[in-house]
Amino acid sequence: MTNYLITPEDLVGRAMSVKGFRDVYLNEGIGPDVLRTTANVIAAEWANDWSEDEGFGSSDATYMVKEYIQDVLIYGGVSHKFQVDFTPYLEVVEYSEAAHHAAVERMESGI
């Protein structure tokens, strides 16, 4: 049995509380199997990769939820229409090519 940092069920629940995610899930035809499978994979990956002597706090959980939502958008086939923003809280918004390129430039320049 895996010792999850956040269980797959709790991961889905936390994602549903992120502004915009529930609407995208309900209105864009993302199947419940995408939610479940992606939650199982993300929860297991994080549990396997996280050192036991390392603390897991709320900011870590936020990044885990962000990764989960990004993957749901990809596997649900809507990542070309929606993205996850983190300014200063998680939110699912319409995809913006300009915002994406600006974020990549910030990451590459180390800002």
N, C-alpha and C. Protein backbone atom coordinates (compact mmCIF):
# COMPACT_ATOMS: atom_id res chain seq x y z
N MET A 1 0.84 -1.19 0.00
CA MET A 1 0.00 0.00 0.00
C MET A 1 0.88 1.25 0.00
N THR A 2 0.50 2.20 -0.79
CA THR A 2 1.26 3.45 -0.90
C THR A 2 0.92 4.39 0.23
N ASN A 3 1.92 5.01 0.81
CA ASN A 3 1.71 6.05 1.82
C ASN A 3 1.65 7.39 1.09
N TYR A 4 0.43 7.78 0.73
CA TYR A 4 0.25 8.99 -0.05
C TYR A 4 0.51 10.24 0.78
N LEU A 5 1.04 11.27 0.13
CA LEU A 5 1.13 12.60 0.74
C LEU A 5 -0.26 13.21 0.75
N ILE A 6 -0.97 13.04 -0.35
CA ILE A 6 -2.38 13.40 -0.48
C ILE A 6 -3.01 12.23 -1.23
N THR A 7 -4.10 11.68 -0.74
CA THR A 7 -4.73 10.56 -1.43
C THR A 7 -5.30 11.01 -2.77
N PRO A 8 -5.44 10.10 -3.71
CA PRO A 8 -6.03 10.47 -5.00
C PRO A 8 -7.42 11.12 -4.84
N GLU A 9 -8.21 10.63 -3.92
CA GLU A 9 -9.54 11.20 -3.70
C GLU A 9 -9.46 12.63 -3.20
N ASP A 10 -8.54 12.88 -2.27
CA ASP A 10 -8.36 14.25 -1.76
C ASP A 10 -7.79 15.18 -2.83
N LEU A 11 -6.96 14.63 -3.70
CA LEU A 11 -6.41 15.42 -4.80
C LEU A 11 -7.52 15.91 -5.72
N VAL A 12 -8.44 15.01 -6.06
CA VAL A 12 -9.60 15.40 -6.89
C VAL A 12 -10.42 16.46 -6.16
N GLY A 13 -10.68 16.25 -4.88
CA GLY A 13 -11.46 17.20 -4.10
C GLY A 13 -10.82 18.57 -4.03
N ARG A 14 -9.52 18.61 -3.82
CA ARG A 14 -8.81 19.90 -3.77
C ARG A 14 -8.87 20.59 -5.13
N ALA A 15 -8.71 19.82 -6.20
CA ALA A 15 -8.76 20.40 -7.54
C ALA A 15 -10.13 20.99 -7.82
N MET A 16 -11.17 20.32 -7.38
CA MET A 16 -12.53 20.81 -7.62
C MET A 16 -12.79 22.15 -6.94
N SER A 17 -12.00 22.47 -5.90
CA SER A 17 -12.18 23.75 -5.22
C SER A 17 -11.40 24.88 -5.88
N VAL A 18 -10.57 24.55 -6.88
CA VAL A 18 -9.80 25.57 -7.60
C VAL A 18 -10.72 26.29 -8.57
N LYS A 19 -10.69 27.60 -8.51
CA LYS A 19 -11.56 28.42 -9.34
C LYS A 19 -11.43 28.02 -10.82
N GLY A 20 -12.55 27.72 -11.44
CA GLY A 20 -12.60 27.41 -12.86
C GLY A 20 -12.47 25.94 -13.20
N PHE A 21 -11.87 25.14 -12.32
CA PHE A 21 -11.63 23.74 -12.67
C PHE A 21 -12.91 22.93 -12.80
N ARG A 22 -13.80 23.06 -11.85
CA ARG A 22 -15.05 22.31 -11.89
C ARG A 22 -15.84 22.63 -13.16
N ASP A 23 -15.88 23.90 -13.53
CA ASP A 23 -16.61 24.30 -14.74
C ASP A 23 -15.99 23.68 -15.99
N VAL A 24 -14.66 23.70 -16.06
CA VAL A 24 -13.99 23.09 -17.21
C VAL A 24 -14.29 21.60 -17.24
N TYR A 25 -14.20 20.95 -16.10
CA TYR A 25 -14.47 19.50 -16.03
C TYR A 25 -15.90 19.20 -16.50
N LEU A 26 -16.86 19.93 -16.00
CA LEU A 26 -18.26 19.66 -16.32
C LEU A 26 -18.64 20.06 -17.74
N ASN A 27 -18.06 21.14 -18.24
CA ASN A 27 -18.50 21.69 -19.53
C ASN A 27 -17.67 21.26 -20.73
N GLU A 28 -16.51 20.68 -20.51
CA GLU A 28 -15.63 20.35 -21.63
C GLU A 28 -15.54 18.86 -21.93
N GLY A 29 -16.37 18.06 -21.27
CA GLY A 29 -16.43 16.63 -21.59
C GLY A 29 -15.26 15.81 -21.10
N ILE A 30 -14.60 16.26 -20.04
CA ILE A 30 -13.51 15.47 -19.45
C ILE A 30 -14.17 14.35 -18.64
N GLY A 31 -13.82 13.13 -18.94
CA GLY A 31 -14.44 11.98 -18.27
C GLY A 31 -13.92 11.76 -16.87
N PRO A 32 -14.76 11.16 -16.02
CA PRO A 32 -14.33 10.86 -14.64
C PRO A 32 -13.13 9.92 -14.59
N ASP A 33 -12.98 9.07 -15.62
CA ASP A 33 -11.82 8.18 -15.65
C ASP A 33 -10.52 8.96 -15.78
N VAL A 34 -10.55 10.10 -16.48
CA VAL A 34 -9.36 10.95 -16.59
C VAL A 34 -9.01 11.50 -15.21
N LEU A 35 -10.03 11.94 -14.45
CA LEU A 35 -9.79 12.46 -13.10
C LEU A 35 -9.16 11.39 -12.22
N ARG A 36 -9.77 10.20 -12.20
CA ARG A 36 -9.31 9.12 -11.32
C ARG A 36 -7.92 8.63 -11.69
N THR A 37 -7.72 8.34 -12.96
CA THR A 37 -6.42 7.80 -13.39
C THR A 37 -5.31 8.81 -13.14
N THR A 38 -5.55 10.06 -13.50
CA THR A 38 -4.53 11.09 -13.31
C THR A 38 -4.24 11.29 -11.82
N ALA A 39 -5.27 11.28 -10.99
CA ALA A 39 -5.07 11.43 -9.54
C ALA A 39 -4.25 10.28 -8.98
N ASN A 40 -4.53 9.06 -9.43
CA ASN A 40 -3.76 7.90 -8.96
C ASN A 40 -2.29 8.02 -9.35
N VAL A 41 -2.04 8.44 -10.58
CA VAL A 41 -0.66 8.56 -11.07
C VAL A 41 0.09 9.66 -10.31
N ILE A 42 -0.51 10.84 -10.21
CA ILE A 42 0.16 11.97 -9.54
C ILE A 42 0.40 11.66 -8.07
N ALA A 43 -0.60 11.13 -7.39
CA ALA A 43 -0.45 10.82 -5.96
C ALA A 43 0.65 9.79 -5.74
N ALA A 44 0.72 8.77 -6.58
CA ALA A 44 1.75 7.74 -6.45
C ALA A 44 3.13 8.30 -6.78
N GLU A 45 3.23 9.10 -7.84
CA GLU A 45 4.53 9.68 -8.22
C GLU A 45 5.08 10.55 -7.10
N TRP A 46 4.24 11.41 -6.55
CA TRP A 46 4.71 12.29 -5.49
C TRP A 46 5.09 11.49 -4.24
N ALA A 47 4.33 10.47 -3.92
CA ALA A 47 4.64 9.64 -2.75
C ALA A 47 5.98 8.92 -2.95
N ASN A 48 6.21 8.42 -4.15
CA ASN A 48 7.45 7.69 -4.43
C ASN A 48 8.67 8.61 -4.49
N ASP A 49 8.47 9.84 -4.94
CA ASP A 49 9.59 10.77 -5.13
C ASP A 49 9.91 11.59 -3.89
N TRP A 50 9.00 11.62 -2.92
CA TRP A 50 9.18 12.49 -1.75
C TRP A 50 9.98 11.78 -0.68
N SER A 51 11.03 12.42 -0.20
CA SER A 51 11.86 11.85 0.85
C SER A 51 11.09 11.83 2.18
N GLU A 52 11.20 10.71 2.90
CA GLU A 52 10.48 10.57 4.16
C GLU A 52 10.90 11.59 5.21
N ASP A 53 12.14 12.05 5.13
CA ASP A 53 12.62 13.01 6.12
C ASP A 53 12.35 14.45 5.72
N GLU A 54 11.70 14.64 4.60
CA GLU A 54 11.37 15.97 4.12
C GLU A 54 9.93 16.31 4.49
N GLY A 55 9.69 17.49 4.98
CA GLY A 55 8.33 17.91 5.33
C GLY A 55 7.50 18.16 4.08
N PHE A 56 6.19 18.04 4.23
CA PHE A 56 5.26 18.30 3.13
C PHE A 56 4.25 19.32 3.63
N GLY A 57 4.36 20.55 3.12
CA GLY A 57 3.52 21.63 3.60
C GLY A 57 2.46 22.04 2.61
N SER A 58 1.77 23.11 2.94
CA SER A 58 0.66 23.58 2.11
C SER A 58 1.13 24.06 0.75
N SER A 59 2.30 24.68 0.67
CA SER A 59 2.78 25.12 -0.65
C SER A 59 3.13 23.91 -1.52
N ASP A 60 3.67 22.86 -0.90
CA ASP A 60 3.94 21.63 -1.65
C ASP A 60 2.64 21.05 -2.20
N ALA A 61 1.62 21.05 -1.36
CA ALA A 61 0.32 20.53 -1.78
C ALA A 61 -0.25 21.36 -2.93
N THR A 62 -0.04 22.66 -2.89
CA THR A 62 -0.53 23.53 -3.96
C THR A 62 0.14 23.17 -5.29
N TYR A 63 1.44 22.95 -5.26
CA TYR A 63 2.14 22.57 -6.49
C TYR A 63 1.70 21.19 -6.98
N MET A 64 1.39 20.30 -6.06
CA MET A 64 0.90 18.98 -6.44
C MET A 64 -0.47 19.10 -7.14
N VAL A 65 -1.34 19.91 -6.59
CA VAL A 65 -2.66 20.14 -7.19
C VAL A 65 -2.49 20.80 -8.55
N LYS A 66 -1.58 21.75 -8.66
CA LYS A 66 -1.32 22.42 -9.94
C LYS A 66 -0.89 21.40 -10.99
N GLU A 67 0.05 20.53 -10.64
CA GLU A 67 0.51 19.51 -11.57
C GLU A 67 -0.64 18.59 -11.97
N TYR A 68 -1.46 18.21 -10.99
CA TYR A 68 -2.61 17.35 -11.27
C TYR A 68 -3.56 18.00 -12.27
N ILE A 69 -3.92 19.26 -12.03
CA ILE A 69 -4.85 19.95 -12.92
C ILE A 69 -4.25 20.09 -14.32
N GLN A 70 -2.97 20.43 -14.40
CA GLN A 70 -2.32 20.54 -15.71
C GLN A 70 -2.42 19.22 -16.47
N ASP A 71 -2.18 18.11 -15.78
CA ASP A 71 -2.26 16.81 -16.44
C ASP A 71 -3.69 16.47 -16.84
N VAL A 72 -4.66 16.81 -16.00
CA VAL A 72 -6.06 16.57 -16.37
C VAL A 72 -6.42 17.36 -17.63
N LEU A 73 -5.96 18.60 -17.71
CA LEU A 73 -6.23 19.40 -18.91
C LEU A 73 -5.58 18.77 -20.14
N ILE A 74 -4.38 18.23 -19.99
CA ILE A 74 -3.70 17.57 -21.11
C ILE A 74 -4.44 16.30 -21.51
N TYR A 75 -4.65 15.39 -20.55
CA TYR A 75 -5.27 14.10 -20.88
C TYR A 75 -6.75 14.23 -21.18
N GLY A 76 -7.35 15.32 -20.74
CA GLY A 76 -8.74 15.59 -21.06
C GLY A 76 -8.90 16.27 -22.42
N GLY A 77 -7.78 16.59 -23.05
CA GLY A 77 -7.79 17.15 -24.39
C GLY A 77 -8.17 18.62 -24.48
N VAL A 78 -7.99 19.38 -23.39
CA VAL A 78 -8.37 20.79 -23.41
C VAL A 78 -7.22 21.73 -23.05
N SER A 79 -5.99 21.22 -23.05
CA SER A 79 -4.86 22.08 -22.66
C SER A 79 -4.59 23.17 -23.68
N HIS A 80 -5.12 23.03 -24.88
CA HIS A 80 -4.99 24.10 -25.88
C HIS A 80 -6.00 25.22 -25.64
N LYS A 81 -6.96 24.98 -24.74
CA LYS A 81 -7.99 25.97 -24.44
C LYS A 81 -7.88 26.56 -23.04
N PHE A 82 -7.28 25.80 -22.11
CA PHE A 82 -7.21 26.23 -20.71
C PHE A 82 -5.84 25.97 -20.14
N GLN A 83 -5.48 26.76 -19.12
CA GLN A 83 -4.21 26.60 -18.43
C GLN A 83 -4.43 26.89 -16.95
N VAL A 84 -3.45 26.54 -16.14
CA VAL A 84 -3.50 26.82 -14.70
C VAL A 84 -2.64 28.04 -14.43
N ASP A 85 -3.22 29.06 -13.84
CA ASP A 85 -2.47 30.24 -13.41
C ASP A 85 -2.27 30.17 -11.90
N PHE A 86 -1.20 30.77 -11.44
CA PHE A 86 -0.88 30.78 -10.01
C PHE A 86 -0.49 32.20 -9.64
N THR A 87 -1.52 33.07 -9.53
CA THR A 87 -1.26 34.49 -9.30
C THR A 87 -2.29 35.13 -8.38
N PRO A 88 -2.24 35.16 -7.13
CA PRO A 88 -1.39 34.41 -6.20
C PRO A 88 -2.04 33.12 -5.74
N TYR A 89 -3.12 32.72 -6.38
CA TYR A 89 -3.79 31.47 -6.04
C TYR A 89 -4.03 30.70 -7.34
N LEU A 90 -4.27 29.40 -7.21
CA LEU A 90 -4.52 28.60 -8.40
C LEU A 90 -5.86 28.96 -9.02
N GLU A 91 -5.88 28.97 -10.35
CA GLU A 91 -7.10 29.27 -11.09
C GLU A 91 -6.94 28.69 -12.49
N VAL A 92 -8.02 28.10 -13.02
CA VAL A 92 -8.01 27.61 -14.39
C VAL A 92 -8.61 28.70 -15.26
N VAL A 93 -7.85 29.11 -16.28
CA VAL A 93 -8.27 30.21 -17.15
C VAL A 93 -8.10 29.78 -18.60
N GLU A 94 -8.65 30.56 -19.50
CA GLU A 94 -8.48 30.27 -20.92
C GLU A 94 -7.00 30.37 -21.26
N TYR A 95 -6.57 29.51 -22.15
CA TYR A 95 -5.17 29.45 -22.57
C TYR A 95 -4.78 30.73 -23.28
N SER A 96 -3.59 31.23 -22.97
CA SER A 96 -3.07 32.43 -23.62
C SER A 96 -1.66 32.13 -24.12
N GLU A 97 -1.49 32.15 -25.43
CA GLU A 97 -0.17 31.91 -26.03
C GLU A 97 0.84 32.95 -25.55
N ALA A 98 0.42 34.20 -25.46
CA ALA A 98 1.32 35.27 -25.02
C ALA A 98 1.75 35.05 -23.58
N ALA A 99 0.82 34.69 -22.71
CA ALA A 99 1.15 34.45 -21.31
C ALA A 99 2.10 33.26 -21.19
N HIS A 100 1.87 32.23 -22.00
CA HIS A 100 2.74 31.06 -21.97
C HIS A 100 4.18 31.43 -22.35
N HIS A 101 4.32 32.18 -23.43
CA HIS A 101 5.66 32.58 -23.86
C HIS A 101 6.34 33.50 -22.86
N ALA A 102 5.60 34.37 -22.22
CA ALA A 102 6.16 35.25 -21.20
C ALA A 102 6.64 34.43 -20.01
N ALA A 103 5.88 33.41 -19.61
CA ALA A 103 6.27 32.57 -18.50
C ALA A 103 7.53 31.78 -18.83
N VAL A 104 7.62 31.26 -20.04
CA VAL A 104 8.81 30.53 -20.47
C VAL A 104 10.02 31.45 -20.46
N GLU A 105 9.88 32.66 -20.94
CA GLU A 105 10.99 33.61 -20.94
C GLU A 105 11.44 33.94 -19.53
N ARG A 106 10.47 34.11 -18.58
CA ARG A 106 10.83 34.37 -17.18
C ARG A 106 11.60 33.19 -16.60
N MET A 107 11.14 31.98 -16.87
CA MET A 107 11.80 30.79 -16.35
C MET A 107 13.22 30.67 -16.92
N GLU A 108 13.36 30.89 -18.21
CA GLU A 108 14.67 30.75 -18.85
C GLU A 108 15.65 31.83 -18.41
N SER A 109 15.14 33.02 -18.07
CA SER A 109 16.02 34.09 -17.66
C SER A 109 16.30 34.06 -16.15
N GLY A 110 15.61 33.16 -15.45
CA GLY A 110 15.84 33.02 -14.01
C GLY A 110 15.12 34.04 -13.15
N ILE A 111 14.15 34.73 -13.71
CA ILE A 111 13.40 35.74 -12.95
C ILE A 111 12.36 35.06 -12.11
